[in-house]
């Protein structure tokens, strides 16, 4: 198959365009974008496309005006309308504190978005090739990545709602250059490709080194990318199913902790990442995800994230959303005796008490406590904190004021009056969701175990 037919097959295989669609074509004037422009011009009748070209002067090179004139000549010859824009990328870079590459990319795609809106286009076609894919995957590997980074670029995704398509993603750069030669075109040479300031330029200088170890290094990376894409497609489907079970959307994303804990770790990671990216977009970073994962086992803890977002962990659910974390606990007034064994309902709490033979080694859970029945007794009540409350947190050999404990555990002020306490006539046995008392712990001599489980309904 010649290049035209291969690109046509790629477009149809991935459903990149819809019949009658207005498509913006990003044209820098280099061989890749010129190849794309001429291929789409030749396919527009067969695909029923309406084309509009866009060229951006990034304000980085003095010869940019000449390049814009050359792009204009090509578009005029193909009878394709053209929008030319100019942006100050260096100023944007300083304002946003980005690398030059990141700044240029954001400015360019924002220009595409604005031009597409004005031209009535729902998609922008860009000239990324398989060589760009190799560089992208390798950059991700060098920076540290997961499956998504190994997959690299995809045939279609979106930028702030604008569909971005890459019809040349399976085409090597040498073929785009050969195509331009065959049509007698003279693409412009972008000197930034040789700039040592840009990561991709420096990486291109390393590719011959990798190829000295493996002459098929580029093909190997592309195979890795395709394999990662297959695995990722499956994981994305499973993540959507997990999302439906574990996440509810209100004034943010609410995570059902019971359903979430039943997910495999890989899906837990991806569910949190999906929520984070939905609110932070490109600003989502691995450090934010790691912070959320480390906060999850700690009810009452809140993690502050960029753009005013808060990730807060409550009793039974966690929330990721704007503003301060709302208190999920119901008011707790008076003292409420517990049925032991049995079930006790206190406002929205359901407390289950069960007597078990000891000794045993229980699994740790935030809302389940295993107490030595002989120490705890059966005359227990649930109440909120009171003046002068003290207890001996598990792992310590001396008492501590409940106030200091709440401060050390960073329990939000609004929560402290609502945290349930399990109390015997002698002392606090359990600060529910946080810590039990050292004196009520299980020992090899424990004869009977009292298991208390709190559920918020």
Protein backbone atom coordinates (compact mmCIF):
# COMPACT_ATOMS: atom_id res chain seq x y z
CA UNK A 1 0.00 0.00 0.00
CA UNK A 2 1.22 3.49 -0.77
CA UNK A 3 1.29 6.16 1.91
CA UNK A 4 -2.10 7.60 0.95
CA UNK A 5 -3.87 4.25 1.26
CA UNK A 6 -2.12 3.37 4.52
CA UNK A 7 -3.12 6.69 6.09
CA UNK A 8 -6.68 6.27 4.81
CA UNK A 9 -6.83 2.78 6.35
CA UNK A 10 -5.47 4.16 9.64
CA UNK A 11 -8.10 6.93 9.68
CA UNK A 12 -10.92 4.45 9.07
CA UNK A 13 -9.58 1.87 11.54
CA UNK A 14 -9.52 4.38 14.37
CA UNK A 15 -12.60 6.35 13.29
CA UNK A 16 -10.70 9.64 13.34
CA UNK A 17 -13.23 11.65 11.31
CA UNK A 18 -16.97 11.78 10.75
CA UNK A 19 -18.45 12.46 7.29
CA UNK A 20 -19.07 16.17 6.79
CA UNK A 21 -16.80 17.13 9.66
CA UNK A 22 -15.02 20.48 9.70
CA UNK A 23 -11.36 19.74 10.51
CA UNK A 24 -8.60 22.11 11.48
CA UNK A 25 -5.13 21.10 10.23
CA UNK A 26 -2.13 22.28 12.22
CA UNK A 27 0.59 23.28 9.73
CA UNK A 28 4.04 24.39 10.87
CA UNK A 29 5.53 24.14 7.39
CA UNK A 30 7.80 21.22 8.25
CA UNK A 31 7.73 17.91 6.33
CA UNK A 32 5.33 16.15 8.71
CA UNK A 33 2.65 18.84 8.72
CA UNK A 34 2.97 19.51 4.98
CA UNK A 35 2.64 15.79 4.29
CA UNK A 36 -0.48 15.73 6.46
CA UNK A 37 -1.95 18.80 4.77
CA UNK A 38 -1.53 17.40 1.25
CA UNK A 39 -2.74 13.91 2.21
CA UNK A 40 -5.92 15.26 3.80
CA UNK A 41 -6.46 17.60 0.87
CA UNK A 42 -6.34 14.57 -1.41
CA UNK A 43 -8.71 12.61 0.85
CA UNK A 44 -11.23 15.33 1.68
CA UNK A 45 -13.76 14.29 -0.99
CA UNK A 46 -13.52 10.59 -0.14
CA UNK A 47 -13.90 11.33 3.58
CA UNK A 48 -16.36 14.23 3.08
CA UNK A 49 -14.17 16.60 5.09
CA UNK A 50 -14.08 20.39 5.18
CA UNK A 51 -10.56 21.60 5.92
CA UNK A 52 -9.23 24.76 7.54
CA UNK A 53 -5.50 25.21 8.19
CA UNK A 54 -3.89 26.89 11.21
CA UNK A 55 -0.31 28.13 11.53
CA UNK A 56 1.19 29.63 14.70
CA UNK A 57 4.25 31.82 15.03
CA UNK A 58 5.56 31.05 18.52
CA UNK A 59 7.62 34.24 18.62
CA UNK A 60 10.86 32.28 18.94
CA UNK A 61 12.54 32.70 15.54
CA UNK A 62 13.13 35.69 13.25
CA UNK A 63 12.35 33.67 10.10
CA UNK A 64 8.83 32.80 11.34
CA UNK A 65 7.16 35.39 9.11
CA UNK A 66 8.75 33.84 6.02
CA UNK A 67 7.53 30.40 7.12
CA UNK A 68 4.00 31.72 7.51
CA UNK A 69 4.13 33.06 3.94
CA UNK A 70 5.22 29.66 2.63
CA UNK A 71 2.37 27.91 4.48
CA UNK A 72 -0.02 30.48 3.03
CA UNK A 73 1.16 29.65 -0.50
CA UNK A 74 0.55 25.93 0.05
CA UNK A 75 -2.94 26.53 1.42
CA UNK A 76 -3.83 28.89 -1.40
CA UNK A 77 -2.74 26.29 -3.94
CA UNK A 78 -4.90 23.64 -2.22
CA UNK A 79 -7.86 25.99 -1.81
CA UNK A 80 -7.82 25.62 1.97
CA UNK A 81 -8.55 28.64 4.17
CA UNK A 82 -5.77 29.49 6.64
CA UNK A 83 -5.61 31.25 9.99
CA UNK A 84 -2.20 32.56 11.08
CA UNK A 85 -1.56 33.58 14.67
CA UNK A 86 1.34 34.82 16.77
CA UNK A 87 1.96 34.22 20.47
CA UNK A 88 4.78 35.13 22.88
CA UNK A 89 5.77 31.70 24.17
CA UNK A 90 8.68 32.95 26.26
CA UNK A 91 6.44 35.34 28.18
CA UNK A 92 3.89 32.55 28.70
CA UNK A 93 6.66 30.26 29.88
CA UNK A 94 7.82 32.73 32.51
CA UNK A 95 4.28 33.41 33.67
CA UNK A 96 3.37 29.73 34.01
CA UNK A 97 6.86 28.53 35.08
CA UNK A 98 6.99 25.80 32.44
CA UNK A 99 9.73 24.39 30.26
CA UNK A 100 9.97 25.90 26.79
CA UNK A 101 8.52 22.73 25.25
CA UNK A 102 5.58 22.63 27.66
CA UNK A 103 4.85 26.31 27.16
CA UNK A 104 4.98 26.01 23.36
CA UNK A 105 2.65 23.01 23.45
CA UNK A 106 0.05 24.71 25.66
CA UNK A 107 0.13 27.92 23.65
CA UNK A 108 -0.13 26.02 20.38
CA UNK A 109 -3.11 23.91 21.43
CA UNK A 110 -4.90 26.88 22.95
CA UNK A 111 -4.45 28.62 19.58
CA UNK A 112 -5.86 25.54 17.83
CA UNK A 113 -8.84 25.53 20.20
CA UNK A 114 -9.62 29.21 19.59
CA UNK A 115 -9.20 28.86 15.81
CA UNK A 116 -11.34 25.71 15.72
CA UNK A 117 -14.13 27.48 17.60
CA UNK A 118 -14.05 30.40 15.18
CA UNK A 119 -13.93 28.10 12.14
CA UNK A 120 -16.64 25.77 13.44
CA UNK A 121 -14.23 22.82 13.54
CA UNK A 122 -14.70 19.96 15.98
CA UNK A 123 -11.26 18.42 15.50
CA UNK A 124 -7.68 19.41 14.84
CA UNK A 125 -5.34 17.11 12.88
CA UNK A 126 -1.65 17.25 13.83
CA UNK A 127 1.37 15.70 12.14
CA UNK A 128 2.83 13.46 14.85
CA UNK A 129 4.70 10.51 13.34
CA UNK A 130 5.98 7.19 14.65
CA UNK A 131 9.33 8.91 15.29
CA UNK A 132 7.53 11.35 17.58
CA UNK A 133 5.96 8.35 19.28
CA UNK A 134 9.38 6.78 19.89
CA UNK A 135 10.65 10.02 21.42
CA UNK A 136 7.54 10.39 23.56
CA UNK A 137 7.75 6.86 25.00
CA UNK A 138 11.48 7.19 25.64
CA UNK A 139 11.01 10.53 27.41
CA UNK A 140 8.33 8.99 29.61
CA UNK A 141 10.61 6.08 30.50
CA UNK A 142 13.46 8.41 31.41
CA UNK A 143 11.18 10.52 33.61
CA UNK A 144 9.51 7.51 35.23
CA UNK A 145 6.17 6.26 33.97
CA UNK A 146 3.42 3.67 34.11
CA UNK A 147 1.43 1.97 31.38
CA UNK A 148 -0.03 5.22 30.10
CA UNK A 149 3.41 6.67 29.54
CA UNK A 150 4.56 3.48 27.81
CA UNK A 151 1.57 3.72 25.50
CA UNK A 152 2.64 7.19 24.43
CA UNK A 153 0.39 9.16 22.13
CA UNK A 154 -2.94 7.80 20.92
CA UNK A 155 -4.61 8.25 17.52
CA UNK A 156 -7.19 10.56 19.08
CA UNK A 157 -7.67 12.37 22.37
CA UNK A 158 -8.87 15.82 23.38
CA UNK A 159 -7.56 19.21 24.49
CA UNK A 160 -10.08 21.11 26.59
CA UNK A 161 -12.91 19.50 24.65
CA UNK A 162 -11.30 19.82 21.20
CA UNK A 163 -10.72 16.47 19.49
CA UNK A 164 -7.05 15.99 18.50
CA UNK A 165 -6.32 13.42 15.79
CA UNK A 166 -2.99 12.03 14.59
CA UNK A 167 -3.41 10.39 11.16
CA UNK A 168 0.37 9.92 10.69
CA UNK A 169 1.08 8.17 13.98
CA UNK A 170 2.11 4.94 12.20
CA UNK A 171 4.22 6.75 9.57
CA UNK A 172 8.02 7.17 9.99
CA UNK A 173 9.41 10.67 9.49
CA UNK A 174 11.56 9.51 6.57
CA UNK A 175 8.34 8.69 4.68
CA UNK A 176 6.85 12.14 5.25
CA UNK A 177 10.08 13.62 3.94
CA UNK A 178 10.06 11.30 0.92
CA UNK A 179 6.41 12.20 0.25
CA UNK A 180 7.25 15.90 0.19
CA UNK A 181 10.14 15.23 -2.19
CA UNK A 182 7.84 13.24 -4.48
CA UNK A 183 5.48 16.25 -4.73
CA UNK A 184 8.30 18.72 -5.21
CA UNK A 185 7.54 20.44 -1.91
CA UNK A 186 10.18 22.34 0.04
CA UNK A 187 9.35 22.13 3.74
CA UNK A 188 10.86 24.60 6.15
CA UNK A 189 13.53 23.37 8.55
CA UNK A 190 12.81 24.07 12.20
CA UNK A 191 16.12 24.95 13.89
CA UNK A 192 14.54 24.27 17.30
CA UNK A 193 14.89 20.57 16.43
CA UNK A 194 18.62 21.05 17.02
CA UNK A 195 18.30 23.25 20.11
CA UNK A 196 20.06 21.79 23.16
CA UNK A 197 17.48 23.60 25.33
CA UNK A 198 14.73 21.20 24.26
CA UNK A 199 14.45 17.68 25.71
CA UNK A 200 13.38 16.08 22.44
CA UNK A 201 16.32 17.60 20.58
CA UNK A 202 18.76 16.22 23.14
CA UNK A 203 17.03 12.86 23.03
CA UNK A 204 17.39 12.61 19.26
CA UNK A 205 21.12 12.85 19.75
CA UNK A 206 20.96 9.79 22.03
CA UNK A 207 18.94 7.57 19.68
CA UNK A 208 22.01 6.50 17.66
CA UNK A 209 23.60 5.36 20.93
CA UNK A 210 20.60 3.14 21.73
CA UNK A 211 20.59 1.85 18.16
CA UNK A 212 24.23 0.84 18.51
CA UNK A 213 23.01 -1.68 21.11
CA UNK A 214 19.90 -2.65 19.16
CA UNK A 215 19.56 -1.60 15.50
CA UNK A 216 15.79 -2.17 15.81
CA UNK A 217 15.49 0.00 18.91
CA UNK A 218 12.78 2.26 17.43
CA UNK A 219 10.69 -0.70 16.33
CA UNK A 220 11.10 -2.28 19.78
CA UNK A 221 9.80 0.86 21.48
CA UNK A 222 6.84 0.99 19.11
CA UNK A 223 6.01 -2.66 19.90
CA UNK A 224 6.21 -1.78 23.60
CA UNK A 225 3.84 1.13 22.99
CA UNK A 226 1.31 -1.04 21.19
CA UNK A 227 1.45 -3.75 23.88
CA UNK A 228 0.93 -1.14 26.61
CA UNK A 229 -2.01 0.29 24.66
CA UNK A 230 -3.72 -3.12 24.59
CA UNK A 231 -3.24 -3.67 28.33
CA UNK A 232 -4.35 -0.13 29.08
CA UNK A 233 -7.54 -0.50 27.03
CA UNK A 234 -8.51 -3.49 29.16
CA UNK A 235 -7.64 -1.69 32.40
CA UNK A 236 -9.65 1.35 31.32
CA UNK A 237 -12.72 -0.86 30.88
CA UNK A 238 -12.21 -2.42 34.31
CA UNK A 239 -11.65 1.02 35.82
CA UNK A 240 -14.99 2.21 34.42
CA UNK A 241 -16.73 -0.75 36.08
CA UNK A 242 -14.92 -0.10 39.35
CA UNK A 243 -15.77 3.59 39.13
CA UNK A 244 -19.48 2.78 38.80
CA UNK A 245 -19.30 0.67 41.98
CA UNK A 246 -17.12 2.88 44.14
CA UNK A 247 -17.60 6.53 43.10
CA UNK A 248 -20.50 8.94 43.33
CA UNK A 249 -20.45 12.46 41.91
CA UNK A 250 -21.99 15.37 43.83
CA UNK A 251 -20.02 18.48 44.80
CA UNK A 252 -16.90 16.52 43.93
CA UNK A 253 -16.15 12.80 43.85
CA UNK A 254 -17.21 10.64 46.82
CA UNK A 255 -15.45 7.32 47.28
CA UNK A 256 -17.28 4.43 48.95
CA UNK A 257 -14.44 3.08 51.08
CA UNK A 258 -15.92 -0.39 51.53
CA UNK A 259 -16.32 -0.85 47.78
CA UNK A 260 -12.95 0.77 47.15
CA UNK A 261 -11.08 -1.53 49.55
CA UNK A 262 -12.53 -4.51 47.68
CA UNK A 263 -10.78 -3.47 44.47
CA UNK A 264 -7.38 -4.80 43.39
CA UNK A 265 -4.58 -2.30 44.09
CA UNK A 266 -4.14 -1.56 40.37
CA UNK A 267 -7.78 -0.49 40.07
CA UNK A 268 -7.65 1.50 43.33
CA UNK A 269 -4.76 3.44 41.85
CA UNK A 270 -6.56 4.06 38.57
CA UNK A 271 -9.88 5.08 40.16
CA UNK A 272 -8.14 7.74 42.25
CA UNK A 273 -6.13 8.87 39.23
CA UNK A 274 -9.27 9.25 37.14
CA UNK A 275 -10.89 11.45 39.79
CA UNK A 276 -7.72 13.49 40.22
CA UNK A 277 -7.30 14.07 36.49
CA UNK A 278 -10.95 15.01 36.11
CA UNK A 279 -10.36 17.97 38.45
CA UNK A 280 -6.70 18.80 37.86
CA UNK A 281 -6.22 17.75 34.23
CA UNK A 282 -2.59 18.10 33.18
CA UNK A 283 -1.79 19.38 36.68
CA UNK A 284 -2.29 15.94 38.23
CA UNK A 285 1.04 14.52 39.39
CA UNK A 286 2.22 11.24 40.88
CA UNK A 287 3.00 12.95 44.19
CA UNK A 288 -0.67 13.97 44.52
CA UNK A 289 -1.82 10.40 43.92
CA UNK A 290 0.70 9.03 46.42
CA UNK A 291 -0.52 11.54 49.00
CA UNK A 292 -4.12 10.42 48.50
CA UNK A 293 -3.20 6.76 48.87
CA UNK A 294 -1.28 7.41 52.09
CA UNK A 295 -4.17 9.50 53.50
CA UNK A 296 -6.88 6.88 52.82
CA UNK A 297 -6.28 4.70 55.91
CA UNK A 298 -6.60 7.73 58.22
CA UNK A 299 -10.18 8.84 58.92
CA UNK A 300 -10.39 12.51 59.69
CA UNK A 301 -7.28 13.37 57.69
CA UNK A 302 -7.40 15.88 54.85
CA UNK A 303 -4.88 16.45 52.05
CA UNK A 304 -4.73 19.87 50.41
CA UNK A 305 -4.11 19.77 46.67
CA UNK A 306 -3.58 22.43 43.97
CA UNK A 307 -6.42 24.69 42.77
CA UNK A 308 -8.15 24.67 46.15
CA UNK A 309 -8.97 20.95 46.09
CA UNK A 310 -9.16 18.88 49.26
CA UNK A 311 -9.02 15.11 49.63
CA UNK A 312 -10.70 14.22 52.93
CA UNK A 313 -11.22 10.80 54.46
CA UNK A 314 -14.30 10.19 56.56
CA UNK A 315 -16.18 7.26 58.05
CA UNK A 316 -17.16 5.07 55.16
CA UNK A 317 -16.31 7.48 52.37
CA UNK A 318 -13.66 9.87 51.13
CA UNK A 319 -14.20 13.05 49.13
CA UNK A 320 -12.13 14.80 46.48
CA UNK A 321 -13.49 18.21 45.67
CA UNK A 322 -13.18 21.98 46.01
CA UNK A 323 -13.13 23.77 49.34
CA UNK A 324 -12.80 22.48 52.89
CA UNK A 325 -13.84 18.96 53.75
CA UNK A 326 -17.42 18.74 55.06
CA UNK A 327 -17.87 16.83 58.33
CA UNK A 328 -19.44 13.44 57.52
CA UNK A 329 -20.24 12.57 61.16
CA UNK A 330 -23.71 12.96 62.65
CA UNK A 331 -24.13 14.91 65.90
CA UNK A 332 -23.67 12.73 68.98
CA UNK A 333 -25.46 13.78 72.16
CA UNK A 334 -25.82 11.96 75.47
CA UNK A 335 -24.70 8.45 76.39
CA UNK A 336 -25.88 5.39 74.50
CA UNK A 337 -25.54 1.93 76.15
CA UNK A 338 -24.32 -0.85 73.86
CA UNK A 339 -26.09 -4.19 73.52
CA UNK A 340 -23.40 -6.84 74.07
CA UNK A 341 -23.79 -9.04 72.15
CA UNK A 342 -26.22 -7.44 69.72
CA UNK A 343 -26.83 -4.39 67.51
CA UNK A 344 -27.28 -0.82 68.72
CA UNK A 345 -28.47 2.11 66.60
CA UNK A 346 -27.24 5.59 67.51
CA UNK A 347 -28.39 8.36 65.14
CA UNK A 348 -26.89 7.21 61.82
CA UNK A 349 -24.50 4.73 63.44
CA UNK A 350 -25.12 1.00 63.55
CA UNK A 351 -22.92 -0.70 66.14
CA UNK A 352 -22.50 -4.46 66.10
CA UNK A 353 -21.06 -6.25 69.12
CA UNK A 354 -19.91 -9.87 69.02
CA UNK A 355 -18.22 -12.08 71.62
CA UNK A 356 -15.51 -14.37 70.25
CA UNK A 357 -13.25 -16.99 71.81
CA UNK A 358 -9.68 -15.82 72.35
CA UNK A 359 -6.91 -15.46 71.74
CA UNK A 360 -6.99 -14.46 68.06
CA UNK A 361 -5.01 -12.23 65.69
CA UNK A 362 -7.49 -9.84 64.05
CA UNK A 363 -7.01 -7.83 60.89
CA UNK A 364 -6.74 -4.10 61.54
CA UNK A 365 -9.69 -2.03 60.30
CA UNK A 366 -10.49 1.61 61.11
CA UNK A 367 -14.02 0.92 62.33
CA UNK A 368 -13.58 -2.47 63.95
CA UNK A 369 -11.93 -3.02 67.32
CA UNK A 370 -11.03 -6.23 69.15
CA UNK A 371 -10.96 -5.75 72.91
CA UNK A 372 -10.16 -8.01 75.84
CA UNK A 373 -13.63 -8.60 77.34
CA UNK A 374 -12.28 -9.09 80.85
CA UNK A 375 -10.64 -5.63 80.74
CA UNK A 376 -13.39 -3.86 78.82
CA UNK A 377 -16.37 -5.39 80.56
CA UNK A 378 -19.87 -5.36 79.06
CA UNK A 379 -21.23 -2.19 80.67
CA UNK A 380 -20.18 0.08 77.79
CA UNK A 381 -21.61 3.30 76.39
CA UNK A 382 -20.96 5.44 73.31
CA UNK A 383 -20.66 9.19 73.75
CA UNK A 384 -18.85 12.26 72.40
CA UNK A 385 -15.82 13.72 74.13
CA UNK A 386 -16.09 15.48 77.44
CA UNK A 387 -13.94 17.88 79.48
CA UNK A 388 -10.68 16.36 80.68
CA UNK A 389 -11.02 13.13 78.68
CA UNK A 390 -7.84 11.05 78.63
CA UNK A 391 -6.85 7.60 77.44
CA UNK A 392 -3.76 5.51 76.77
CA UNK A 393 -3.37 5.21 72.97
CA UNK A 394 -2.39 1.76 71.75
CA UNK A 395 1.39 1.44 71.71
CA UNK A 396 1.96 3.95 74.53
CA UNK A 397 2.64 3.35 78.23
CA UNK A 398 1.11 6.55 79.59
CA UNK A 399 -2.14 8.44 79.26
CA UNK A 400 -2.66 11.32 76.89
CA UNK A 401 -5.37 13.96 76.78
CA UNK A 402 -7.92 13.37 74.06
CA UNK A 403 -7.47 16.99 72.94
CA UNK A 404 -3.75 16.47 72.36
CA UNK A 405 -4.45 13.20 70.59
CA UNK A 406 -6.88 14.91 68.19
CA UNK A 407 -4.34 17.66 67.51
CA UNK A 408 -1.53 15.17 66.86
CA UNK A 409 -3.77 13.11 64.57
CA UNK A 410 -4.84 16.30 62.73
CA UNK A 411 -8.53 15.57 63.27
CA UNK A 412 -10.43 18.61 61.91
CA UNK A 413 -11.93 20.81 64.62
CA UNK A 414 -15.44 20.37 63.22
CA UNK A 415 -15.14 16.60 63.65
CA UNK A 416 -13.89 16.41 67.23
CA UNK A 417 -17.27 16.84 68.94
CA UNK A 418 -18.74 14.08 66.76
CA UNK A 419 -16.10 11.33 66.96
CA UNK A 420 -17.70 8.41 68.86
CA UNK A 421 -15.96 7.15 72.00
CA UNK A 422 -16.53 3.68 73.44
CA UNK A 423 -16.31 4.11 77.19
CA UNK A 424 -16.36 1.76 80.18
CA UNK A 425 -17.02 2.91 83.75
CA UNK A 426 -13.24 3.08 84.16
CA UNK A 427 -11.90 4.78 81.04
CA UNK A 428 -12.10 5.33 77.27
CA UNK A 429 -11.63 2.02 75.46
CA UNK A 430 -11.70 3.17 71.86
CA UNK A 431 -11.60 6.43 69.92
CA UNK A 432 -13.62 5.07 67.02
CA UNK A 433 -11.80 5.15 63.70
CA UNK A 434 -8.49 6.18 65.27
CA UNK A 435 -7.03 4.25 68.22
CA UNK A 436 -8.07 1.87 70.98
CA UNK A 437 -6.75 1.95 74.53
CA UNK A 438 -3.52 0.10 75.26
CA UNK A 439 -5.03 -1.53 78.35
CA UNK A 440 -7.82 -3.23 76.40
CA UNK A 441 -5.53 -4.82 73.83
CA UNK A 442 -5.51 -8.56 73.20
CA UNK A 443 -2.79 -10.61 74.86
CA UNK A 444 -1.92 -14.33 74.88
CA UNK A 445 -3.88 -14.54 78.13
CA UNK A 446 -7.09 -13.13 76.61
CA UNK A 447 -9.90 -15.61 77.18
CA UNK A 448 -12.79 -13.83 75.42
CA UNK A 449 -12.72 -11.15 72.72
CA UNK A 450 -15.24 -8.36 72.25
CA UNK A 451 -15.44 -7.30 68.61
CA UNK A 452 -17.13 -3.93 68.01
CA UNK A 453 -17.94 -2.76 64.48
CA UNK A 454 -19.24 0.73 63.63
CA UNK A 455 -21.16 1.34 60.39
CA UNK A 456 -22.32 4.77 59.22
CA UNK A 457 -25.63 4.59 57.39
